[in-house]
């Protein structure tokens, strides 16, 4: 699960409908919201920072 005190790096596997994406957390696959991240960075292979199943940014 991607909910903790810190954001978790995940890799996008597939972009889904309704502002969601299927991601690989390293411990399994989860659906997360990508509504807060610019659409042009959400693509298969992209790495995102996720907290509480919400993508909150892109790591530097």
N, C-alpha and C. Protein backbone atom coordinates (compact mmCIF):
# COMPACT_ATOMS: atom_id res chain seq x y z
N UNK A 1 0.84 -1.18 0.00
CA UNK A 1 0.00 0.00 0.00
C UNK A 1 0.88 1.24 0.00
N UNK A 2 0.47 2.26 -0.73
CA UNK A 2 1.28 3.46 -0.87
C UNK A 2 1.01 4.51 0.20
N UNK A 3 0.24 4.21 1.21
CA UNK A 3 -0.05 5.19 2.26
C UNK A 3 0.95 5.04 3.40
N UNK A 4 1.67 6.11 3.68
CA UNK A 4 2.62 6.13 4.78
C UNK A 4 2.90 7.59 5.10
N UNK A 5 3.88 7.85 5.94
CA UNK A 5 4.22 9.22 6.28
C UNK A 5 4.99 9.93 5.17
N UNK A 6 5.50 9.18 4.22
CA UNK A 6 6.26 9.77 3.12
C UNK A 6 5.70 9.30 1.80
N UNK A 7 6.05 10.02 0.75
CA UNK A 7 5.64 9.61 -0.60
C UNK A 7 6.48 8.43 -1.04
N UNK A 8 5.89 7.61 -1.89
CA UNK A 8 6.53 6.41 -2.42
C UNK A 8 6.73 6.59 -3.92
N UNK A 9 7.91 6.20 -4.41
CA UNK A 9 8.15 6.23 -5.86
C UNK A 9 7.47 5.03 -6.49
N UNK A 10 6.73 5.28 -7.56
CA UNK A 10 6.07 4.22 -8.31
C UNK A 10 6.33 4.43 -9.79
N UNK A 11 6.15 3.38 -10.57
CA UNK A 11 6.30 3.48 -12.03
C UNK A 11 4.95 3.21 -12.67
N UNK A 12 4.54 4.09 -13.57
CA UNK A 12 3.26 3.95 -14.26
C UNK A 12 3.33 2.78 -15.23
N UNK A 13 2.37 1.88 -15.10
CA UNK A 13 2.25 0.75 -16.02
C UNK A 13 1.26 1.05 -17.13
N UNK A 14 0.15 1.69 -16.75
CA UNK A 14 -0.91 1.97 -17.72
C UNK A 14 -1.74 3.15 -17.22
N UNK A 15 -2.11 4.04 -18.12
CA UNK A 15 -2.99 5.15 -17.81
C UNK A 15 -4.43 4.65 -18.01
N UNK A 16 -5.25 4.85 -16.99
CA UNK A 16 -6.64 4.40 -17.01
C UNK A 16 -7.57 5.60 -17.21
N UNK A 17 -8.85 5.33 -17.33
CA UNK A 17 -9.85 6.39 -17.45
C UNK A 17 -10.04 7.11 -16.12
N UNK A 18 -10.68 8.25 -16.16
CA UNK A 18 -11.09 9.00 -14.97
C UNK A 18 -9.95 9.45 -14.08
N UNK A 19 -8.80 9.83 -14.67
CA UNK A 19 -7.70 10.36 -13.88
C UNK A 19 -7.01 9.35 -13.00
N UNK A 20 -6.99 8.11 -13.41
CA UNK A 20 -6.37 7.04 -12.64
C UNK A 20 -5.26 6.40 -13.46
N UNK A 21 -4.35 5.71 -12.77
CA UNK A 21 -3.29 4.97 -13.44
C UNK A 21 -3.00 3.70 -12.65
N UNK A 22 -2.60 2.68 -13.35
CA UNK A 22 -2.12 1.44 -12.73
C UNK A 22 -0.62 1.60 -12.59
N UNK A 23 -0.12 1.42 -11.36
CA UNK A 23 1.30 1.63 -11.10
C UNK A 23 1.92 0.41 -10.44
N UNK A 24 3.23 0.31 -10.57
CA UNK A 24 4.02 -0.72 -9.89
C UNK A 24 4.68 -0.06 -8.69
N UNK A 25 4.38 -0.55 -7.50
CA UNK A 25 4.93 0.02 -6.27
C UNK A 25 6.22 -0.64 -5.85
N UNK A 26 6.61 -1.69 -6.55
CA UNK A 26 7.76 -2.48 -6.13
C UNK A 26 7.33 -3.65 -5.27
N UNK A 27 6.15 -3.53 -4.68
CA UNK A 27 5.58 -4.60 -3.85
C UNK A 27 4.31 -5.15 -4.48
N UNK A 28 3.93 -4.61 -5.62
CA UNK A 28 2.70 -5.03 -6.30
C UNK A 28 2.16 -3.90 -7.16
N UNK A 29 0.99 -4.14 -7.70
CA UNK A 29 0.35 -3.15 -8.56
C UNK A 29 -0.82 -2.53 -7.83
N UNK A 30 -1.04 -1.22 -8.05
CA UNK A 30 -2.15 -0.49 -7.44
C UNK A 30 -2.70 0.51 -8.43
N UNK A 31 -3.96 0.85 -8.26
CA UNK A 31 -4.55 1.96 -9.00
C UNK A 31 -4.43 3.20 -8.12
N UNK A 32 -3.95 4.28 -8.71
CA UNK A 32 -3.80 5.55 -7.99
C UNK A 32 -4.38 6.68 -8.82
N UNK A 33 -4.78 7.74 -8.13
CA UNK A 33 -5.25 8.94 -8.82
C UNK A 33 -4.04 9.73 -9.32
N UNK A 34 -4.16 10.23 -10.54
CA UNK A 34 -3.11 11.08 -11.11
C UNK A 34 -3.66 12.48 -11.43
N UNK A 35 -4.76 12.82 -10.80
CA UNK A 35 -5.44 14.09 -11.08
C UNK A 35 -4.61 15.31 -10.72
N UNK A 36 -3.68 15.20 -9.76
CA UNK A 36 -2.89 16.35 -9.33
C UNK A 36 -1.58 16.52 -10.10
N UNK A 37 -1.27 15.57 -10.97
CA UNK A 37 -0.01 15.59 -11.72
C UNK A 37 -0.31 16.02 -13.16
N UNK A 38 0.53 16.87 -13.76
CA UNK A 38 0.28 17.28 -15.15
C UNK A 38 0.14 16.08 -16.08
N UNK A 39 -0.89 16.11 -16.90
CA UNK A 39 -1.20 14.99 -17.79
C UNK A 39 -0.05 14.64 -18.72
N UNK A 40 0.78 15.62 -19.09
CA UNK A 40 1.86 15.34 -20.05
C UNK A 40 2.99 14.51 -19.45
N UNK A 41 3.03 14.33 -18.13
CA UNK A 41 4.06 13.49 -17.52
C UNK A 41 3.53 12.11 -17.14
N UNK A 42 2.22 11.91 -17.24
CA UNK A 42 1.63 10.62 -16.87
C UNK A 42 1.57 9.74 -18.10
N UNK A 43 2.51 8.80 -18.18
CA UNK A 43 2.59 7.89 -19.31
C UNK A 43 3.28 6.62 -18.83
N UNK A 44 3.07 5.50 -19.52
CA UNK A 44 3.75 4.27 -19.12
C UNK A 44 5.26 4.50 -19.02
N UNK A 45 5.84 4.04 -17.91
CA UNK A 45 7.26 4.19 -17.67
C UNK A 45 7.62 5.38 -16.80
N UNK A 46 6.70 6.34 -16.67
CA UNK A 46 6.95 7.52 -15.85
C UNK A 46 7.05 7.13 -14.37
N UNK A 47 7.91 7.84 -13.64
CA UNK A 47 8.03 7.64 -12.20
C UNK A 47 7.32 8.80 -11.51
N UNK A 48 6.46 8.46 -10.56
CA UNK A 48 5.69 9.45 -9.82
C UNK A 48 5.89 9.26 -8.33
N UNK A 49 5.61 10.31 -7.57
CA UNK A 49 5.58 10.22 -6.12
C UNK A 49 4.12 10.10 -5.70
N UNK A 50 3.82 9.10 -4.87
CA UNK A 50 2.44 8.82 -4.48
C UNK A 50 2.34 8.80 -2.96
N UNK A 51 1.28 9.42 -2.46
CA UNK A 51 0.95 9.37 -1.03
C UNK A 51 -0.54 9.12 -0.92
N UNK A 52 -0.90 8.10 -0.14
CA UNK A 52 -2.31 7.77 0.09
C UNK A 52 -3.07 7.57 -1.22
N UNK A 53 -2.44 6.85 -2.14
CA UNK A 53 -3.03 6.52 -3.46
C UNK A 53 -3.32 7.75 -4.32
N UNK A 54 -2.59 8.83 -4.08
CA UNK A 54 -2.71 10.05 -4.87
C UNK A 54 -1.32 10.46 -5.36
N UNK A 55 -1.13 10.52 -6.68
CA UNK A 55 0.14 11.00 -7.21
C UNK A 55 0.25 12.48 -6.87
N UNK A 56 1.35 12.87 -6.24
CA UNK A 56 1.50 14.26 -5.79
C UNK A 56 2.66 14.97 -6.45
N UNK A 57 3.40 14.28 -7.30
CA UNK A 57 4.51 14.95 -7.97
C UNK A 57 5.40 13.99 -8.73
N UNK A 58 6.44 14.57 -9.29
CA UNK A 58 7.43 13.83 -10.08
C UNK A 58 8.77 14.01 -9.39
N UNK A 59 9.48 12.92 -9.10
CA UNK A 59 10.77 13.07 -8.42
C UNK A 59 11.79 13.76 -9.31
N UNK A 60 12.74 14.43 -8.68
CA UNK A 60 13.81 15.11 -9.44
C UNK A 60 14.92 14.17 -9.73
